[in-house]
Amino acid sequence: MEKKVTPFAGQSSFAKEISTLVQTLSQNNASVLLVGEKGSGRRLIAQHIHSAAAKSFGAGYFFEINCRSFTEAQIIDSFKTVSQMISYGQRVTLFVYAVDVLSKPVQSAFLEMIKKQTEKNLNLKIICAAERPIEESVSSDAFISELYSRLSTVVLNVPPLRQRTEDIIPIAQAYLMRFSRKSGLGFTEFSEGAKAAMLSSFWQGNADELINAVQRAFIVGKPPVINESDLGFMLGTPAVGETVEAVGKDGGDKSLKTAVDAFKREYIIRILSENGWNQTKAAAVLGIQRTYVIRLMNELHIDRQ
């Protein structure tokens, strides 16, 4: 069964065009190169292309290789795994994140895999993400020209969130609804101050940073309204402990408390992981004291993974 993908949200021309473009790209095996800043939504676009293709051609496998976190040996082994999956008749969407950082030897291995697999069948869809145009690397011989040609049948430039401010509130609203359903918490809207703060933020981390801010608000805020301080624009928010401790007290629904704890645990693990499990850095991101991070880790049984 295909995993449900978060829908696109937004009012910008890019957001309006992307759904149609996704449908077009899902109907063939043309390679796609997504160029844009980190967190701009390239992975989500890749997932939507894969999901749309599944509706036409049947369920397949979304296989992601993160070139920033995988070792060269792991990347090459992943290419071999994809080849094996295809040989068994499995349809695969291969998403290669940060393809622009691959070394020449790994590029060669990637090119060899593409030559073998794309000539044999149509069960492989390749989607790559890069943070900057690769043409300059091709010109300087840092990136293999033939590989670039095979990866760039369609090049899609994904603009940063600050260049499509019409999308900020719709994206935030979409994730507010998603997190509300997932956590069981009764958040229903953003205050006008929160909306103004979101619209005025630079969003260096793009949509990922915005989504992180909304998820943080579910940890430190008090339903039903998310305020500016809940989003982390003002660090050191008071009464964080009171807000978290209030959940499930006074004879509250135990099933709700379980859902909330699971939601908090997943979020805090992600923040810790993104910051190398450095509790001080994680506390800064969360806008709480390091001692409270430790307390939450103990309460939620979080161990370094």
Protein backbone atom coordinates (compact mmCIF):
# COMPACT_ATOMS: atom_id res chain seq x y z
CA MET A 1 0.00 0.00 0.00
CA GLU A 2 1.31 3.43 -0.94
CA LYS A 3 2.05 5.75 1.95
CA LYS A 4 -0.21 8.79 1.98
CA VAL A 5 1.74 11.84 0.89
CA THR A 6 1.20 15.28 2.41
CA PRO A 7 -0.78 17.34 -0.14
CA PHE A 8 0.59 20.47 -1.73
CA ALA A 9 -0.55 23.70 -0.16
CA GLY A 10 -0.16 27.25 -1.39
CA GLN A 11 -1.44 30.05 -3.56
CA SER A 12 1.74 30.96 -5.48
CA SER A 13 2.00 30.36 -9.22
CA PHE A 14 4.54 27.62 -8.47
CA ALA A 15 2.18 25.82 -6.08
CA LYS A 16 -0.66 26.04 -8.59
CA GLU A 17 1.45 24.69 -11.45
CA ILE A 18 3.21 21.91 -9.59
CA SER A 19 0.22 19.55 -9.33
CA THR A 20 -0.28 19.53 -13.10
CA LEU A 21 3.44 19.15 -13.67
CA VAL A 22 3.62 16.22 -11.25
CA GLN A 23 0.92 14.41 -13.20
CA THR A 24 2.84 14.92 -16.44
CA LEU A 25 6.14 13.73 -14.96
CA SER A 26 4.50 10.65 -13.45
CA GLN A 27 3.34 9.33 -16.83
CA ASN A 28 6.79 8.56 -18.20
CA ASN A 29 10.27 7.51 -17.12
CA ALA A 30 11.98 10.78 -17.93
CA SER A 31 14.56 11.66 -15.29
CA VAL A 32 13.87 14.72 -13.15
CA LEU A 33 16.41 17.05 -11.54
CA LEU A 34 15.02 19.25 -8.77
CA VAL A 35 17.21 22.27 -8.05
CA GLY A 36 16.56 24.35 -4.96
CA GLU A 37 17.59 25.22 -1.44
CA LYS A 38 17.51 22.75 1.41
CA GLY A 39 14.01 22.39 2.81
CA SER A 40 12.28 23.91 -0.22
CA GLY A 41 10.09 20.89 -0.86
CA ARG A 42 12.06 18.83 -3.37
CA ARG A 43 11.51 15.55 -1.50
CA LEU A 44 7.78 16.22 -1.32
CA ILE A 45 7.67 16.81 -5.08
CA ALA A 46 9.52 13.53 -5.66
CA GLN A 47 7.08 11.70 -3.40
CA HIS A 48 4.13 13.14 -5.29
CA ILE A 49 5.57 12.09 -8.65
CA HIS A 50 6.01 8.57 -7.27
CA SER A 51 2.53 8.51 -5.75
CA ALA A 52 0.92 9.74 -8.98
CA ALA A 53 2.77 7.09 -10.99
CA ALA A 54 1.51 4.40 -8.61
CA LYS A 55 -2.07 5.29 -9.49
CA SER A 56 -1.32 4.68 -13.17
CA PHE A 57 1.19 1.83 -13.10
CA GLY A 58 0.61 0.13 -9.76
CA ALA A 59 2.38 0.29 -6.43
CA GLY A 60 6.13 0.63 -6.47
CA TYR A 61 8.94 1.40 -4.06
CA PHE A 62 10.24 4.88 -3.18
CA PHE A 63 13.96 4.36 -2.55
CA GLU A 64 15.86 7.36 -1.17
CA ILE A 65 19.63 7.80 -1.08
CA ASN A 66 20.84 10.77 0.95
CA CYS A 67 24.30 11.56 -0.40
CA ARG A 68 25.06 13.82 2.57
CA SER A 69 24.48 11.16 5.20
CA PHE A 70 25.42 7.95 3.36
CA THR A 71 29.03 6.85 2.99
CA GLU A 72 30.32 6.20 -0.52
CA ALA A 73 30.18 2.46 0.14
CA GLN A 74 26.57 2.74 1.32
CA ILE A 75 25.61 4.71 -1.78
CA ILE A 76 27.17 2.16 -4.12
CA ASP A 77 25.53 -0.69 -2.19
CA SER A 78 22.22 1.14 -2.55
CA PHE A 79 22.67 1.27 -6.32
CA LYS A 80 23.18 -2.49 -6.27
CA THR A 81 20.06 -2.97 -4.14
CA VAL A 82 17.98 -0.93 -6.58
CA SER A 83 19.31 -3.01 -9.48
CA GLN A 84 18.34 -6.21 -7.66
CA MET A 85 14.85 -4.90 -6.93
CA ILE A 86 14.34 -4.06 -10.59
CA SER A 87 15.60 -7.50 -11.65
CA TYR A 88 12.83 -8.99 -9.49
CA GLY A 89 10.25 -6.96 -11.40
CA GLN A 90 9.78 -4.26 -8.76
CA ARG A 91 8.96 -0.75 -9.95
CA VAL A 92 11.31 1.71 -8.24
CA THR A 93 11.40 5.47 -7.92
CA LEU A 94 15.00 6.27 -7.00
CA PHE A 95 15.32 9.61 -5.23
CA VAL A 96 18.94 10.74 -4.92
CA TYR A 97 19.18 13.64 -2.48
CA ALA A 98 22.18 16.01 -2.82
CA VAL A 99 23.40 14.35 -6.01
CA ASP A 100 25.69 17.34 -6.57
CA VAL A 101 28.04 16.23 -3.77
CA LEU A 102 28.84 12.81 -5.26
CA SER A 103 32.51 12.04 -5.88
CA LYS A 104 33.62 11.07 -9.38
CA PRO A 105 33.99 7.35 -8.52
CA VAL A 106 30.44 7.22 -7.15
CA GLN A 107 29.19 9.19 -10.14
CA SER A 108 30.73 6.52 -12.37
CA ALA A 109 28.97 3.77 -10.42
CA PHE A 110 25.69 5.66 -10.70
CA LEU A 111 26.13 6.09 -14.46
CA GLU A 112 26.91 2.40 -14.89
CA MET A 113 23.77 1.42 -13.00
CA ILE A 114 21.64 3.77 -15.08
CA LYS A 115 23.02 2.43 -18.35
CA LYS A 116 22.28 -1.15 -17.37
CA GLN A 117 18.83 -0.62 -15.92
CA THR A 118 17.24 1.98 -18.18
CA GLU A 119 18.19 0.04 -21.30
CA LYS A 120 16.56 -3.15 -19.99
CA ASN A 121 13.19 -2.00 -18.71
CA LEU A 122 10.91 0.86 -17.74
CA ASN A 123 10.66 0.06 -14.03
CA LEU A 124 13.09 2.75 -12.89
CA LYS A 125 12.21 6.41 -12.40
CA ILE A 126 15.15 8.58 -11.32
CA ILE A 127 14.59 11.84 -9.47
CA CYS A 128 17.56 13.78 -8.13
CA ALA A 129 17.84 16.85 -5.92
CA ALA A 130 20.64 19.40 -5.96
CA GLU A 131 21.05 22.66 -4.08
CA ARG A 132 22.64 24.48 -7.01
CA PRO A 133 22.81 24.09 -10.79
CA ILE A 134 25.22 21.33 -11.79
CA GLU A 135 26.30 22.83 -15.14
CA GLU A 136 29.26 24.63 -13.54
CA SER A 137 30.50 21.36 -12.04
CA VAL A 138 30.17 19.75 -15.47
CA SER A 139 32.21 22.56 -17.03
CA SER A 140 34.96 22.15 -14.43
CA ASP A 141 34.93 18.37 -14.93
CA ALA A 142 33.83 17.82 -11.33
CA PHE A 143 30.64 16.14 -12.54
CA ILE A 144 30.46 13.61 -15.35
CA SER A 145 28.81 15.17 -18.39
CA GLU A 146 27.04 12.00 -19.52
CA LEU A 147 25.62 11.41 -16.05
CA TYR A 148 24.29 14.96 -15.95
CA SER A 149 22.65 14.49 -19.35
CA ARG A 150 20.91 11.34 -18.16
CA LEU A 151 19.72 12.95 -14.91
CA SER A 152 18.47 16.22 -16.37
CA THR A 153 15.84 15.27 -18.93
CA VAL A 154 13.56 17.61 -16.99
CA VAL A 155 15.07 20.29 -14.74
CA LEU A 156 12.72 21.93 -12.26
CA ASN A 157 13.87 24.93 -10.25
CA VAL A 158 12.13 24.98 -6.87
CA PRO A 159 11.98 28.55 -5.49
CA PRO A 160 12.71 29.17 -1.80
CA LEU A 161 9.79 29.86 0.50
CA ARG A 162 10.72 33.55 0.88
CA GLN A 163 10.06 33.99 -2.86
CA ARG A 164 6.55 32.52 -2.58
CA THR A 165 5.18 34.10 0.57
CA GLU A 166 1.63 33.31 -0.58
CA ASP A 167 2.38 29.71 0.38
CA ILE A 168 3.48 30.33 3.97
CA ILE A 169 0.11 30.45 5.72
CA PRO A 170 -1.48 27.65 3.62
CA ILE A 171 1.47 25.35 4.37
CA ALA A 172 1.31 26.21 8.07
CA GLN A 173 -2.46 25.60 8.11
CA ALA A 174 -2.08 22.25 6.34
CA TYR A 175 0.42 21.03 8.92
CA LEU A 176 -1.60 22.44 11.80
CA MET A 177 -4.48 20.21 10.67
CA ARG A 178 -2.17 17.24 10.14
CA PHE A 179 -0.50 17.53 13.54
CA SER A 180 -3.88 18.08 15.23
CA ARG A 181 -5.18 14.81 13.81
CA LYS A 182 -1.98 12.99 14.69
CA SER A 183 -1.56 14.29 18.24
CA GLY A 184 -5.17 14.62 19.30
CA LEU A 185 -4.49 18.13 20.57
CA GLY A 186 -7.15 20.73 19.91
CA PHE A 187 -5.19 23.36 18.01
CA THR A 188 -7.45 25.01 15.43
CA GLU A 189 -5.86 28.27 14.30
CA PHE A 190 -2.97 30.73 14.40
CA SER A 191 -3.25 34.10 16.10
CA GLU A 192 -2.89 37.20 13.94
CA GLY A 193 0.46 37.80 15.62
CA ALA A 194 1.63 34.32 14.70
CA LYS A 195 0.57 34.83 11.09
CA ALA A 196 2.35 38.18 10.91
CA ALA A 197 5.50 36.64 12.39
CA MET A 198 5.44 33.79 9.88
CA LEU A 199 4.97 36.16 6.95
CA SER A 200 7.83 38.40 8.07
CA SER A 201 10.33 35.61 8.75
CA PHE A 202 13.15 34.97 6.26
CA TRP A 203 12.77 31.17 6.54
CA GLN A 204 16.37 30.27 5.84
CA GLY A 205 15.39 26.62 6.22
CA ASN A 206 12.39 27.07 3.91
CA ALA A 207 9.31 24.86 4.31
CA ASP A 208 11.17 22.44 6.59
CA GLU A 209 11.84 25.26 9.06
CA LEU A 210 8.21 26.40 8.90
CA ILE A 211 6.92 22.89 9.52
CA ASN A 212 9.36 22.51 12.41
CA ALA A 213 8.05 25.75 13.94
CA VAL A 214 4.45 24.54 13.74
CA GLN A 215 5.36 21.19 15.27
CA ARG A 216 7.25 22.97 18.06
CA ALA A 217 4.10 24.96 18.84
CA PHE A 218 2.27 21.72 19.54
CA ILE A 219 4.84 20.91 22.20
CA VAL A 220 4.97 24.25 24.00
CA GLY A 221 1.67 25.93 23.14
CA LYS A 222 -1.76 25.79 24.71
CA PRO A 223 -4.76 24.87 22.53
CA PRO A 224 -6.72 26.03 20.65
CA VAL A 225 -4.67 28.96 19.30
CA ILE A 226 -1.00 28.97 18.29
CA ASN A 227 0.65 32.25 19.25
CA GLU A 228 3.81 33.90 17.99
CA SER A 229 5.89 32.80 20.99
CA ASP A 230 4.82 29.18 20.47
CA LEU A 231 6.52 29.17 17.07
CA GLY A 232 9.95 29.79 18.57
CA PHE A 233 10.45 33.34 17.35
CA MET A 234 10.86 34.30 21.03
CA LEU A 235 13.22 31.91 22.78
CA GLY A 236 12.94 31.09 26.45
CA THR A 237 9.14 30.91 26.38
CA PRO A 238 7.88 30.76 29.99
CA ALA A 239 5.56 28.07 31.32
CA VAL A 240 6.72 25.46 28.84
CA GLY A 241 6.84 22.89 31.61
CA GLU A 242 3.37 23.86 32.80
CA THR A 243 1.97 23.44 29.30
CA VAL A 244 3.44 19.99 28.81
CA GLU A 245 2.62 18.79 32.30
CA ALA A 246 -1.00 19.88 31.95
CA VAL A 247 -1.62 17.30 29.24
CA GLY A 248 -3.36 14.25 30.67
CA LYS A 249 -3.78 15.58 34.22
CA ASP A 250 -6.98 15.85 36.20
CA GLY A 251 -8.38 12.57 34.99
CA GLY A 252 -7.68 13.33 31.36
CA ASP A 253 -8.16 10.81 28.58
CA LYS A 254 -5.30 8.34 28.86
CA SER A 255 -5.51 7.43 25.19
CA LEU A 256 -5.11 11.11 24.34
CA LYS A 257 -2.11 11.40 26.64
CA THR A 258 -0.54 8.39 24.94
CA ALA A 259 -1.01 10.00 21.53
CA VAL A 260 0.41 13.31 22.73
CA ASP A 261 3.44 11.61 24.29
CA ALA A 262 4.09 9.70 21.07
CA PHE A 263 3.85 12.93 19.11
CA LYS A 264 6.24 14.74 21.47
CA ARG A 265 8.67 11.82 21.49
CA GLU A 266 8.87 11.65 17.70
CA TYR A 267 9.45 15.39 17.43
CA ILE A 268 12.10 15.62 20.15
CA ILE A 269 13.99 12.63 18.74
CA ARG A 270 14.05 14.35 15.35
CA ILE A 271 15.36 17.63 16.79
CA LEU A 272 18.04 15.79 18.79
CA SER A 273 19.05 13.76 15.74
CA GLU A 274 19.28 16.85 13.53
CA ASN A 275 21.58 18.45 16.11
CA GLY A 276 23.87 15.47 16.63
CA TRP A 277 22.14 14.63 19.91
CA ASN A 278 23.61 17.78 21.42
CA GLN A 279 21.14 18.66 24.16
CA THR A 280 22.19 22.31 24.33
CA LYS A 281 21.65 22.83 20.60
CA ALA A 282 18.35 20.95 20.71
CA ALA A 283 17.20 23.11 23.62
CA ALA A 284 18.00 26.25 21.60
CA VAL A 285 15.92 24.99 18.69
CA LEU A 286 13.04 24.06 20.99
CA GLY A 287 13.26 27.33 22.89
CA ILE A 288 13.51 25.61 26.28
CA GLN A 289 16.18 25.01 28.90
CA ARG A 290 18.64 22.13 28.49
CA THR A 291 17.53 20.72 31.84
CA TYR A 292 14.00 20.48 30.51
CA VAL A 293 15.24 18.61 27.43
CA ILE A 294 16.86 16.08 29.77
CA ARG A 295 13.66 15.82 31.77
CA LEU A 296 11.60 15.19 28.63
CA MET A 297 14.08 12.57 27.46
CA ASN A 298 13.70 10.75 30.76
CA GLU A 299 9.90 11.04 30.83
CA LEU A 300 9.51 9.88 27.24
CA HIS A 301 12.19 7.17 27.51
CA ILE A 302 14.37 8.68 24.79
CA ASP A 303 17.82 7.18 24.38
CA ARG A 304 20.41 8.19 21.82
CA GLN A 305 19.85 6.25 18.61
